[in-house]
């Protein structure tokens, strides 16, 4: 077997590693209920995922009648509390994800996560699902300070540093993922099964996969191109 071309493979979390749709929608609709708004269907909530909890709530409130600073201040903390308390109730790995992680580890790749979810929530979720031993670094949307979440290159560069350095690829499902990878000058793979807010072909990824069974072969091709 030829040497695997990437020392590090990084992943987005929501919509890439894990289907977190039910727990995210539950938190959003809890906040909407406190605001006296009707719940949103899961598909609508999923189009708001990718830039963190506050942006998700802002979009949900906008879609259900608008918001102001006072309303945000009232319902945003309860959203975070609800999500913290139910972060792993229904969230599960996408099909084939665990096998893909096993295959990457067997090839000597170090694995990391870069998400725009708050770091403490990402760490809690990964730990509660028993996946924490698989990742050398978990970088959240607040890890690098305000204004330095994806699409900034800084979170990916910090993941690379914590994972020991080396040639890196990044896997995600949003424009923030592909832009962050481009800004960090690493190739990106987009997953067609994620929480897409636009056609996957518009994300500008270096490759697209339909399932995790394709990930290792696609990375091997990217590494030799």
Protein backbone atom coordinates (compact mmCIF):
# COMPACT_ATOMS: atom_id res chain seq x y z
CA UNK A 1 0.00 0.00 0.00
CA UNK A 2 1.34 3.43 -0.97
CA UNK A 3 1.91 5.94 1.81
CA UNK A 4 -1.20 7.95 2.60
CA UNK A 5 -0.70 11.49 1.26
CA UNK A 6 -2.13 13.44 4.22
CA UNK A 7 -0.70 13.52 7.73
CA UNK A 8 -3.84 15.25 9.06
CA UNK A 9 -7.47 15.08 8.06
CA UNK A 10 -9.76 17.67 9.62
CA UNK A 11 -13.54 17.60 9.77
CA UNK A 12 -16.40 19.98 10.31
CA UNK A 13 -18.83 18.63 12.94
CA UNK A 14 -22.52 19.40 12.30
CA UNK A 15 -23.66 17.97 8.99
CA UNK A 16 -20.27 16.40 8.29
CA UNK A 17 -19.24 14.00 11.04
CA UNK A 18 -22.58 13.91 12.80
CA UNK A 19 -26.25 14.28 11.99
CA UNK A 20 -27.11 16.73 14.77
CA UNK A 21 -30.30 17.96 13.10
CA UNK A 22 -32.83 16.81 15.70
CA UNK A 23 -30.94 18.25 18.67
CA UNK A 24 -30.24 21.57 16.92
CA UNK A 25 -33.85 21.89 15.81
CA UNK A 26 -35.00 21.08 19.33
CA UNK A 27 -32.90 23.91 20.77
CA UNK A 28 -34.04 26.40 18.15
CA UNK A 29 -37.69 25.54 18.61
CA UNK A 30 -37.32 25.76 22.38
CA UNK A 31 -36.11 29.35 21.92
CA UNK A 32 -38.89 30.11 19.43
CA UNK A 33 -41.47 28.82 21.90
CA UNK A 34 -40.12 31.19 24.55
CA UNK A 35 -40.44 33.99 21.99
CA UNK A 36 -44.07 33.05 21.33
CA UNK A 37 -43.27 31.87 17.80
CA UNK A 38 -44.37 28.69 16.02
CA UNK A 39 -41.76 25.97 15.55
CA UNK A 40 -39.78 25.65 12.34
CA UNK A 41 -39.48 22.39 10.47
CA UNK A 42 -36.14 20.62 10.62
CA UNK A 43 -35.26 21.30 6.98
CA UNK A 44 -35.58 25.05 7.53
CA UNK A 45 -33.46 24.96 10.68
CA UNK A 46 -30.73 23.00 8.89
CA UNK A 47 -30.24 25.77 6.32
CA UNK A 48 -29.23 28.09 9.19
CA UNK A 49 -26.47 25.83 10.54
CA UNK A 50 -22.80 26.60 9.94
CA UNK A 51 -21.97 29.93 11.54
CA UNK A 52 -22.71 29.12 15.16
CA UNK A 53 -25.66 29.18 17.53
CA UNK A 54 -26.31 32.93 17.52
CA UNK A 55 -26.52 33.13 13.74
CA UNK A 56 -28.76 30.05 13.75
CA UNK A 57 -31.15 31.71 16.19
CA UNK A 58 -31.08 35.05 14.36
CA UNK A 59 -32.05 33.31 11.13
CA UNK A 60 -34.81 31.34 12.85
CA UNK A 61 -36.27 34.46 14.45
CA UNK A 62 -36.06 36.34 11.17
CA UNK A 63 -37.90 33.52 9.42
CA UNK A 64 -40.66 33.55 12.05
CA UNK A 65 -41.30 37.29 12.30
CA UNK A 66 -38.08 39.19 13.01
CA UNK A 67 -36.12 40.07 16.12
CA UNK A 68 -34.43 42.84 18.04
CA UNK A 69 -31.59 42.94 20.55
CA UNK A 70 -33.94 42.61 23.53
CA UNK A 71 -35.55 39.46 22.15
CA UNK A 72 -32.18 37.93 21.33
CA UNK A 73 -30.94 38.67 24.85
CA UNK A 74 -33.99 36.95 26.30
CA UNK A 75 -34.03 33.73 24.28
CA UNK A 76 -30.40 33.14 23.27
CA UNK A 77 -29.15 31.98 26.72
CA UNK A 78 -32.03 29.49 27.09
CA UNK A 79 -31.24 28.11 23.63
CA UNK A 80 -27.65 27.44 24.69
CA UNK A 81 -28.75 25.90 27.98
CA UNK A 82 -31.26 23.64 26.25
CA UNK A 83 -28.74 22.53 23.66
CA UNK A 84 -26.08 21.88 26.32
CA UNK A 85 -28.50 19.68 28.24
CA UNK A 86 -29.64 17.76 25.13
CA UNK A 87 -26.52 17.95 22.98
CA UNK A 88 -26.33 14.22 22.25
CA UNK A 89 -29.92 13.04 22.68
CA UNK A 90 -30.46 12.22 19.01
CA UNK A 91 -27.13 13.12 17.34
CA UNK A 92 -25.43 10.23 15.58
CA UNK A 93 -22.55 9.61 13.16
CA UNK A 94 -23.42 9.64 9.49
CA UNK A 95 -23.43 6.17 7.88
CA UNK A 96 -19.93 4.89 7.24
CA UNK A 97 -18.24 7.66 9.22
CA UNK A 98 -16.74 5.40 11.88
CA UNK A 99 -15.37 3.01 9.27
CA UNK A 100 -13.81 5.96 7.41
CA UNK A 101 -12.16 7.21 10.60
CA UNK A 102 -10.82 3.71 11.26
CA UNK A 103 -9.42 3.55 7.72
CA UNK A 104 -7.74 6.94 8.06
CA UNK A 105 -6.23 6.01 11.43
CA UNK A 106 -4.95 2.75 9.96
CA UNK A 107 -3.18 4.79 7.30
CA UNK A 108 -1.48 6.91 9.96
CA UNK A 109 -3.56 10.07 9.62
CA UNK A 110 -4.13 12.24 12.68
CA UNK A 111 -7.73 13.48 12.93
CA UNK A 112 -9.08 16.82 14.11
CA UNK A 113 -12.30 18.81 14.24
CA UNK A 114 -12.89 22.45 13.36
CA UNK A 115 -16.45 23.61 14.00
CA UNK A 116 -18.21 26.93 14.47
CA UNK A 117 -20.05 25.41 17.43
CA UNK A 118 -18.79 26.69 20.78
CA UNK A 119 -15.80 24.60 21.85
CA UNK A 120 -17.35 23.44 25.13
CA UNK A 121 -20.43 22.16 23.30
CA UNK A 122 -18.35 20.38 20.65
CA UNK A 123 -16.16 18.74 23.28
CA UNK A 124 -19.22 17.68 25.29
CA UNK A 125 -20.96 16.22 22.25
CA UNK A 126 -17.94 14.26 21.05
CA UNK A 127 -17.28 12.93 24.57
CA UNK A 128 -20.89 11.87 25.16
CA UNK A 129 -20.87 9.92 21.91
CA UNK A 130 -17.64 8.18 22.94
CA UNK A 131 -15.62 9.62 20.06
CA UNK A 132 -13.17 11.82 21.94
CA UNK A 133 -10.30 9.31 21.71
CA UNK A 134 -10.38 9.56 17.92
CA UNK A 135 -9.48 13.25 17.63
CA UNK A 136 -6.23 14.97 18.52
CA UNK A 137 -7.80 18.44 18.46
CA UNK A 138 -11.27 19.98 18.70
CA UNK A 139 -11.36 23.64 17.67
CA UNK A 140 -14.59 25.57 18.26
CA UNK A 141 -15.96 28.78 16.88
CA UNK A 142 -14.74 30.65 19.96
CA UNK A 143 -11.36 28.92 20.38
CA UNK A 144 -9.39 31.53 18.43
CA UNK A 145 -11.27 34.53 19.79
CA UNK A 146 -14.11 36.67 18.52
CA UNK A 147 -14.23 37.07 14.76
CA UNK A 148 -11.86 34.17 14.07
CA UNK A 149 -14.27 31.33 13.36
CA UNK A 150 -14.53 29.74 9.91
CA UNK A 151 -14.16 31.01 7.17
CA UNK A 152 -11.03 32.36 8.86
CA UNK A 153 -7.97 30.20 8.28
CA UNK A 154 -6.93 30.49 11.93
CA UNK A 155 -8.99 27.58 13.33
CA UNK A 156 -7.70 25.17 10.70
CA UNK A 157 -4.14 26.34 11.25
CA UNK A 158 -4.55 25.83 15.00
CA UNK A 159 -5.91 22.33 14.39
CA UNK A 160 -2.87 21.57 12.25
CA UNK A 161 -0.56 22.86 14.98
CA UNK A 162 -2.24 20.79 17.69
CA UNK A 163 -2.19 17.70 15.48
CA UNK A 164 1.57 17.96 15.04
CA UNK A 165 1.80 19.58 11.62
CA UNK A 166 2.01 18.11 8.16
CA UNK A 167 0.06 17.97 4.92
CA UNK A 168 -3.63 18.43 5.66
CA UNK A 169 -7.04 18.03 4.01
CA UNK A 170 -10.36 19.30 5.36
CA UNK A 171 -13.84 17.80 5.03
CA UNK A 172 -17.04 19.85 5.42
CA UNK A 173 -20.52 20.63 4.19
CA UNK A 174 -20.71 24.43 3.92
CA UNK A 175 -19.20 27.39 2.15
CA UNK A 176 -17.57 28.35 5.47
CA UNK A 177 -15.69 25.05 5.43
CA UNK A 178 -14.42 25.32 1.87
CA UNK A 179 -13.51 29.00 2.31
CA UNK A 180 -11.63 28.26 5.53
CA UNK A 181 -9.74 25.45 3.84
CA UNK A 182 -8.88 27.70 0.91
CA UNK A 183 -7.75 30.47 3.25
CA UNK A 184 -5.56 27.95 5.09
CA UNK A 185 -4.24 26.66 1.74
CA UNK A 186 -5.38 23.07 2.24
CA UNK A 187 -7.56 21.01 -0.12
CA UNK A 188 -11.20 20.49 0.80
CA UNK A 189 -13.75 17.72 0.36
CA UNK A 190 -17.47 18.53 0.51
CA UNK A 191 -20.08 15.98 1.60
CA UNK A 192 -23.29 15.87 -0.40
CA UNK A 193 -25.24 14.44 2.57
CA UNK A 194 -24.63 17.43 4.88
CA UNK A 195 -26.74 20.39 5.97
CA UNK A 196 -26.49 22.11 2.61
CA UNK A 197 -27.80 25.65 2.19
CA UNK A 198 -26.81 25.66 -1.50
CA UNK A 199 -25.93 23.04 -4.13
CA UNK A 200 -22.78 21.21 -3.12
CA UNK A 201 -21.22 21.98 -6.51
CA UNK A 202 -21.31 25.70 -5.61
CA UNK A 203 -19.12 25.28 -2.53
CA UNK A 204 -15.87 25.33 -4.49
CA UNK A 205 -14.49 22.16 -2.89
CA UNK A 206 -11.65 20.27 -4.51
CA UNK A 207 -13.77 17.10 -4.42
CA UNK A 208 -17.29 15.99 -3.47
CA UNK A 209 -18.31 12.69 -1.89
CA UNK A 210 -21.75 11.11 -1.76
CA UNK A 211 -20.90 8.83 1.16
CA UNK A 212 -18.09 8.14 3.60
CA UNK A 213 -17.16 5.02 1.64
CA UNK A 214 -15.66 7.39 -0.95
CA UNK A 215 -13.54 9.49 1.42
CA UNK A 216 -10.26 7.56 1.58
CA UNK A 217 -10.05 6.93 -2.19
CA UNK A 218 -10.90 10.57 -2.90
CA UNK A 219 -8.21 11.78 -0.50
CA UNK A 220 -5.69 9.44 -2.08
CA UNK A 221 -6.50 10.93 -5.49
CA UNK A 222 -6.34 14.49 -4.17
CA UNK A 223 -2.98 13.77 -2.60
CA UNK A 224 -1.42 12.74 -5.89
CA UNK A 225 -2.98 15.46 -8.07
